[in-house]
Amino acid sequence: MSRNTKKLERNFQAKLVKEIKARFPGCFVLKNDSGYLQGVPDWIVLYNQHWATLECKRSKKAPHQPNQDIYVDRMNTMSFSRFIYPENKEEVLDELEQAFSI
């Protein structure tokens, strides 16, 4: 991954975290360590009695790393988990809002 590509994803993640905190006041947004468990989604969001994981990508076409699809799919059966990128951000955050309101 090029330096510019990493910067794009890092900037997207920083803005996304701010937006999640604004949309879900009092939530915790925690960064996961891919070095500890390769493929685990980037972020876990804790809000009231709910939780979700989000795997950030710089774009819809960005490649998935080994195991990412497995973890996102499995965690989605447990609660809520999605790949999120600029092209689907609003849709995913709206779905997350629905999941957190249950």
N, C-alpha and C. Protein backbone atom coordinates (compact mmCIF):
# COMPACT_ATOMS: atom_id res chain seq x y z
N MET A 1 0.85 -1.17 0.00
CA MET A 1 0.00 0.00 0.00
C MET A 1 0.90 1.23 0.00
N SER A 2 0.64 2.16 -0.88
CA SER A 2 1.46 3.36 -0.98
C SER A 2 1.20 4.30 0.20
N ARG A 3 2.14 5.21 0.39
CA ARG A 3 2.01 6.19 1.48
C ARG A 3 0.75 7.03 1.29
N ASN A 4 0.46 7.44 0.05
CA ASN A 4 -0.72 8.24 -0.24
C ASN A 4 -2.00 7.47 0.04
N THR A 5 -2.01 6.19 -0.31
CA THR A 5 -3.17 5.34 -0.07
C THR A 5 -3.43 5.22 1.43
N LYS A 6 -2.37 5.00 2.21
CA LYS A 6 -2.50 4.91 3.67
C LYS A 6 -3.03 6.21 4.24
N LYS A 7 -2.56 7.33 3.70
CA LYS A 7 -3.03 8.64 4.18
C LYS A 7 -4.51 8.82 3.90
N LEU A 8 -4.96 8.42 2.70
CA LEU A 8 -6.38 8.53 2.37
C LEU A 8 -7.24 7.72 3.33
N GLU A 9 -6.82 6.49 3.61
CA GLU A 9 -7.59 5.64 4.53
C GLU A 9 -7.55 6.20 5.95
N ARG A 10 -6.39 6.67 6.38
CA ARG A 10 -6.25 7.24 7.73
C ARG A 10 -7.14 8.47 7.88
N ASN A 11 -7.18 9.33 6.86
CA ASN A 11 -8.03 10.53 6.92
C ASN A 11 -9.50 10.14 6.96
N PHE A 12 -9.89 9.16 6.16
CA PHE A 12 -11.27 8.68 6.17
C PHE A 12 -11.64 8.15 7.55
N GLN A 13 -10.75 7.37 8.15
CA GLN A 13 -11.01 6.80 9.47
C GLN A 13 -11.17 7.89 10.53
N ALA A 14 -10.30 8.89 10.50
CA ALA A 14 -10.36 9.96 11.49
C ALA A 14 -11.70 10.71 11.41
N LYS A 15 -12.13 11.02 10.20
CA LYS A 15 -13.42 11.71 10.02
C LYS A 15 -14.58 10.80 10.42
N LEU A 16 -14.47 9.53 10.10
CA LEU A 16 -15.52 8.57 10.43
C LEU A 16 -15.70 8.46 11.94
N VAL A 17 -14.62 8.36 12.67
CA VAL A 17 -14.71 8.24 14.13
C VAL A 17 -15.39 9.47 14.72
N LYS A 18 -15.04 10.65 14.24
CA LYS A 18 -15.70 11.88 14.72
C LYS A 18 -17.20 11.85 14.43
N GLU A 19 -17.55 11.38 13.24
CA GLU A 19 -18.97 11.32 12.87
C GLU A 19 -19.73 10.30 13.73
N ILE A 20 -19.12 9.16 14.00
CA ILE A 20 -19.75 8.15 14.86
C ILE A 20 -19.98 8.71 16.25
N LYS A 21 -18.97 9.38 16.81
CA LYS A 21 -19.11 9.95 18.16
C LYS A 21 -20.18 11.03 18.20
N ALA A 22 -20.34 11.78 17.14
CA ALA A 22 -21.39 12.81 17.08
C ALA A 22 -22.77 12.18 16.95
N ARG A 23 -22.86 11.11 16.19
CA ARG A 23 -24.15 10.46 15.95
C ARG A 23 -24.61 9.63 17.15
N PHE A 24 -23.65 9.08 17.90
CA PHE A 24 -23.95 8.22 19.05
C PHE A 24 -23.26 8.77 20.29
N PRO A 25 -23.81 9.84 20.86
CA PRO A 25 -23.16 10.49 22.01
C PRO A 25 -22.90 9.50 23.15
N GLY A 26 -21.70 9.57 23.69
CA GLY A 26 -21.35 8.70 24.80
C GLY A 26 -20.81 7.35 24.39
N CYS A 27 -20.75 7.07 23.09
CA CYS A 27 -20.24 5.78 22.64
C CYS A 27 -18.73 5.71 22.84
N PHE A 28 -18.21 4.50 22.81
CA PHE A 28 -16.78 4.26 22.80
C PHE A 28 -16.43 3.74 21.42
N VAL A 29 -15.40 4.31 20.80
CA VAL A 29 -14.91 3.84 19.50
C VAL A 29 -13.46 3.42 19.72
N LEU A 30 -13.22 2.12 19.64
CA LEU A 30 -11.91 1.57 19.97
C LEU A 30 -11.23 0.99 18.74
N LYS A 31 -9.95 1.30 18.59
CA LYS A 31 -9.15 0.79 17.46
C LYS A 31 -8.61 -0.59 17.82
N ASN A 32 -8.86 -1.56 16.95
CA ASN A 32 -8.34 -2.91 17.15
C ASN A 32 -6.93 -3.02 16.58
N ASP A 33 -6.17 -3.97 17.09
CA ASP A 33 -4.78 -4.18 16.71
C ASP A 33 -4.69 -5.36 15.75
N SER A 34 -4.49 -5.07 14.46
CA SER A 34 -4.41 -6.14 13.47
C SER A 34 -3.17 -7.01 13.69
N GLY A 35 -2.19 -6.50 14.40
CA GLY A 35 -1.01 -7.30 14.73
C GLY A 35 -1.32 -8.38 15.74
N TYR A 36 -2.34 -8.17 16.54
CA TYR A 36 -2.75 -9.15 17.54
C TYR A 36 -3.60 -10.25 16.90
N LEU A 37 -4.55 -9.85 16.06
CA LEU A 37 -5.44 -10.80 15.41
C LEU A 37 -5.64 -10.33 13.96
N GLN A 38 -4.88 -10.88 13.04
CA GLN A 38 -4.89 -10.46 11.65
C GLN A 38 -6.27 -10.65 11.03
N GLY A 39 -6.77 -9.58 10.41
CA GLY A 39 -8.05 -9.64 9.73
C GLY A 39 -9.22 -9.13 10.56
N VAL A 40 -9.02 -8.92 11.87
CA VAL A 40 -10.10 -8.42 12.71
C VAL A 40 -10.44 -6.99 12.24
N PRO A 41 -11.72 -6.61 12.25
CA PRO A 41 -12.09 -5.27 11.79
C PRO A 41 -11.36 -4.16 12.55
N ASP A 42 -11.20 -3.03 11.87
CA ASP A 42 -10.43 -1.91 12.41
C ASP A 42 -10.99 -1.35 13.70
N TRP A 43 -12.29 -1.23 13.79
CA TRP A 43 -12.92 -0.50 14.90
C TRP A 43 -14.02 -1.33 15.55
N ILE A 44 -14.16 -1.14 16.87
CA ILE A 44 -15.32 -1.65 17.59
C ILE A 44 -16.02 -0.43 18.20
N VAL A 45 -17.33 -0.41 18.06
CA VAL A 45 -18.14 0.69 18.58
C VAL A 45 -19.03 0.11 19.67
N LEU A 46 -18.93 0.68 20.87
CA LEU A 46 -19.76 0.26 22.00
C LEU A 46 -20.74 1.39 22.31
N TYR A 47 -22.02 1.06 22.31
CA TYR A 47 -23.04 2.09 22.54
C TYR A 47 -24.19 1.48 23.33
N ASN A 48 -24.39 1.98 24.53
CA ASN A 48 -25.37 1.42 25.45
C ASN A 48 -25.14 -0.09 25.56
N GLN A 49 -26.14 -0.90 25.28
CA GLN A 49 -25.96 -2.35 25.38
C GLN A 49 -25.56 -2.98 24.05
N HIS A 50 -25.25 -2.17 23.05
CA HIS A 50 -24.96 -2.66 21.70
C HIS A 50 -23.47 -2.56 21.37
N TRP A 51 -23.06 -3.34 20.38
CA TRP A 51 -21.71 -3.22 19.84
C TRP A 51 -21.73 -3.50 18.35
N ALA A 52 -20.71 -2.99 17.68
CA ALA A 52 -20.56 -3.18 16.24
C ALA A 52 -19.07 -3.13 15.90
N THR A 53 -18.71 -3.74 14.77
CA THR A 53 -17.36 -3.59 14.26
C THR A 53 -17.42 -3.05 12.85
N LEU A 54 -16.41 -2.26 12.51
CA LEU A 54 -16.33 -1.66 11.18
C LEU A 54 -14.93 -1.85 10.63
N GLU A 55 -14.85 -2.32 9.41
CA GLU A 55 -13.58 -2.45 8.69
C GLU A 55 -13.53 -1.36 7.64
N CYS A 56 -12.64 -0.40 7.82
CA CYS A 56 -12.53 0.74 6.91
C CYS A 56 -11.69 0.40 5.70
N LYS A 57 -12.15 0.88 4.57
CA LYS A 57 -11.43 0.76 3.31
C LYS A 57 -11.41 2.13 2.65
N ARG A 58 -10.36 2.40 1.90
CA ARG A 58 -10.24 3.70 1.25
C ARG A 58 -11.24 3.88 0.12
N SER A 59 -11.72 2.75 -0.45
CA SER A 59 -12.71 2.82 -1.51
C SER A 59 -13.41 1.47 -1.63
N LYS A 60 -14.48 1.44 -2.37
CA LYS A 60 -15.24 0.21 -2.60
C LYS A 60 -14.37 -0.86 -3.24
N LYS A 61 -13.43 -0.46 -4.07
CA LYS A 61 -12.60 -1.40 -4.82
C LYS A 61 -11.32 -1.81 -4.09
N ALA A 62 -11.09 -1.29 -2.90
CA ALA A 62 -9.87 -1.62 -2.16
C ALA A 62 -9.86 -3.11 -1.82
N PRO A 63 -8.71 -3.75 -1.92
CA PRO A 63 -8.65 -5.19 -1.64
C PRO A 63 -8.89 -5.50 -0.16
N HIS A 64 -9.40 -6.70 0.08
CA HIS A 64 -9.60 -7.20 1.43
C HIS A 64 -8.39 -8.05 1.80
N GLN A 65 -7.95 -7.93 3.04
CA GLN A 65 -6.84 -8.73 3.54
C GLN A 65 -7.36 -10.12 3.93
N PRO A 66 -6.45 -11.09 4.03
CA PRO A 66 -6.88 -12.43 4.45
C PRO A 66 -7.66 -12.37 5.77
N ASN A 67 -8.68 -13.13 5.85
CA ASN A 67 -9.54 -13.29 7.03
C ASN A 67 -10.53 -12.14 7.27
N GLN A 68 -10.40 -11.01 6.60
CA GLN A 68 -11.31 -9.90 6.88
C GLN A 68 -12.76 -10.27 6.60
N ASP A 69 -13.01 -10.91 5.47
CA ASP A 69 -14.39 -11.29 5.15
C ASP A 69 -14.94 -12.26 6.19
N ILE A 70 -14.11 -13.17 6.64
CA ILE A 70 -14.53 -14.16 7.65
C ILE A 70 -14.94 -13.46 8.94
N TYR A 71 -14.10 -12.53 9.43
CA TYR A 71 -14.41 -11.83 10.68
C TYR A 71 -15.63 -10.92 10.54
N VAL A 72 -15.72 -10.18 9.45
CA VAL A 72 -16.87 -9.29 9.27
C VAL A 72 -18.16 -10.11 9.20
N ASP A 73 -18.16 -11.18 8.43
CA ASP A 73 -19.35 -12.02 8.33
C ASP A 73 -19.72 -12.64 9.67
N ARG A 74 -18.75 -13.17 10.38
CA ARG A 74 -19.02 -13.83 11.67
C ARG A 74 -19.53 -12.84 12.70
N MET A 75 -18.87 -11.68 12.79
CA MET A 75 -19.30 -10.68 13.77
C MET A 75 -20.65 -10.10 13.42
N ASN A 76 -20.99 -10.08 12.13
CA ASN A 76 -22.31 -9.59 11.74
C ASN A 76 -23.40 -10.55 12.22
N THR A 77 -23.12 -11.85 12.30
CA THR A 77 -24.12 -12.78 12.83
C THR A 77 -24.27 -12.61 14.34
N MET A 78 -23.24 -12.10 14.99
CA MET A 78 -23.27 -11.91 16.44
C MET A 78 -23.92 -10.58 16.83
N SER A 79 -23.72 -9.56 16.03
CA SER A 79 -24.25 -8.23 16.32
C SER A 79 -24.37 -7.45 15.01
N PHE A 80 -23.38 -6.61 14.71
CA PHE A 80 -23.38 -5.78 13.50
C PHE A 80 -21.94 -5.60 13.06
N SER A 81 -21.65 -5.85 11.80
CA SER A 81 -20.31 -5.66 11.27
C SER A 81 -20.41 -5.38 9.79
N ARG A 82 -19.61 -4.41 9.33
CA ARG A 82 -19.63 -4.03 7.92
C ARG A 82 -18.25 -3.57 7.47
N PHE A 83 -18.03 -3.68 6.15
CA PHE A 83 -16.96 -2.94 5.50
C PHE A 83 -17.54 -1.56 5.24
N ILE A 84 -16.75 -0.53 5.51
CA ILE A 84 -17.22 0.83 5.30
C ILE A 84 -16.17 1.61 4.52
N TYR A 85 -16.62 2.39 3.56
CA TYR A 85 -15.76 3.18 2.70
C TYR A 85 -16.56 4.41 2.29
N PRO A 86 -15.90 5.41 1.72
CA PRO A 86 -16.63 6.67 1.42
C PRO A 86 -17.90 6.47 0.62
N GLU A 87 -17.91 5.52 -0.30
CA GLU A 87 -19.07 5.34 -1.17
C GLU A 87 -20.29 4.76 -0.45
N ASN A 88 -20.11 4.07 0.68
CA ASN A 88 -21.27 3.50 1.38
C ASN A 88 -21.41 4.00 2.82
N LYS A 89 -20.63 5.00 3.18
CA LYS A 89 -20.59 5.47 4.57
C LYS A 89 -21.98 5.81 5.11
N GLU A 90 -22.73 6.61 4.40
CA GLU A 90 -24.04 7.03 4.90
C GLU A 90 -24.98 5.84 5.06
N GLU A 91 -24.98 4.95 4.11
CA GLU A 91 -25.82 3.75 4.19
C GLU A 91 -25.45 2.90 5.41
N VAL A 92 -24.16 2.68 5.63
CA VAL A 92 -23.73 1.87 6.76
C VAL A 92 -24.06 2.55 8.09
N LEU A 93 -23.83 3.85 8.18
CA LEU A 93 -24.15 4.56 9.43
C LEU A 93 -25.65 4.57 9.70
N ASP A 94 -26.46 4.66 8.65
CA ASP A 94 -27.92 4.56 8.84
C ASP A 94 -28.30 3.17 9.33
N GLU A 95 -27.69 2.12 8.77
CA GLU A 95 -27.94 0.75 9.23
C GLU A 95 -27.49 0.57 10.68
N LEU A 96 -26.35 1.17 11.01
CA LEU A 96 -25.85 1.08 12.38
C LEU A 96 -26.81 1.77 13.34
N GLU A 97 -27.35 2.89 12.94
CA GLU A 97 -28.32 3.60 13.77
C GLU A 97 -29.55 2.72 14.01
N GLN A 98 -30.01 2.03 12.98
CA GLN A 98 -31.14 1.12 13.13
C GLN A 98 -30.77 -0.02 14.10
N ALA A 99 -29.60 -0.58 13.93
CA ALA A 99 -29.17 -1.69 14.80
C ALA A 99 -29.05 -1.24 16.25
N PHE A 100 -28.56 -0.04 16.47
CA PHE A 100 -28.39 0.46 17.83
C PHE A 100 -29.70 0.89 18.47
N SER A 101 -30.75 1.06 17.69
CA SER A 101 -32.04 1.49 18.25
C SER A 101 -32.91 0.33 18.67
N ILE A 102 -32.48 -0.89 18.37
CA ILE A 102 -33.28 -2.09 18.69
C ILE A 102 -33.23 -2.35 20.19
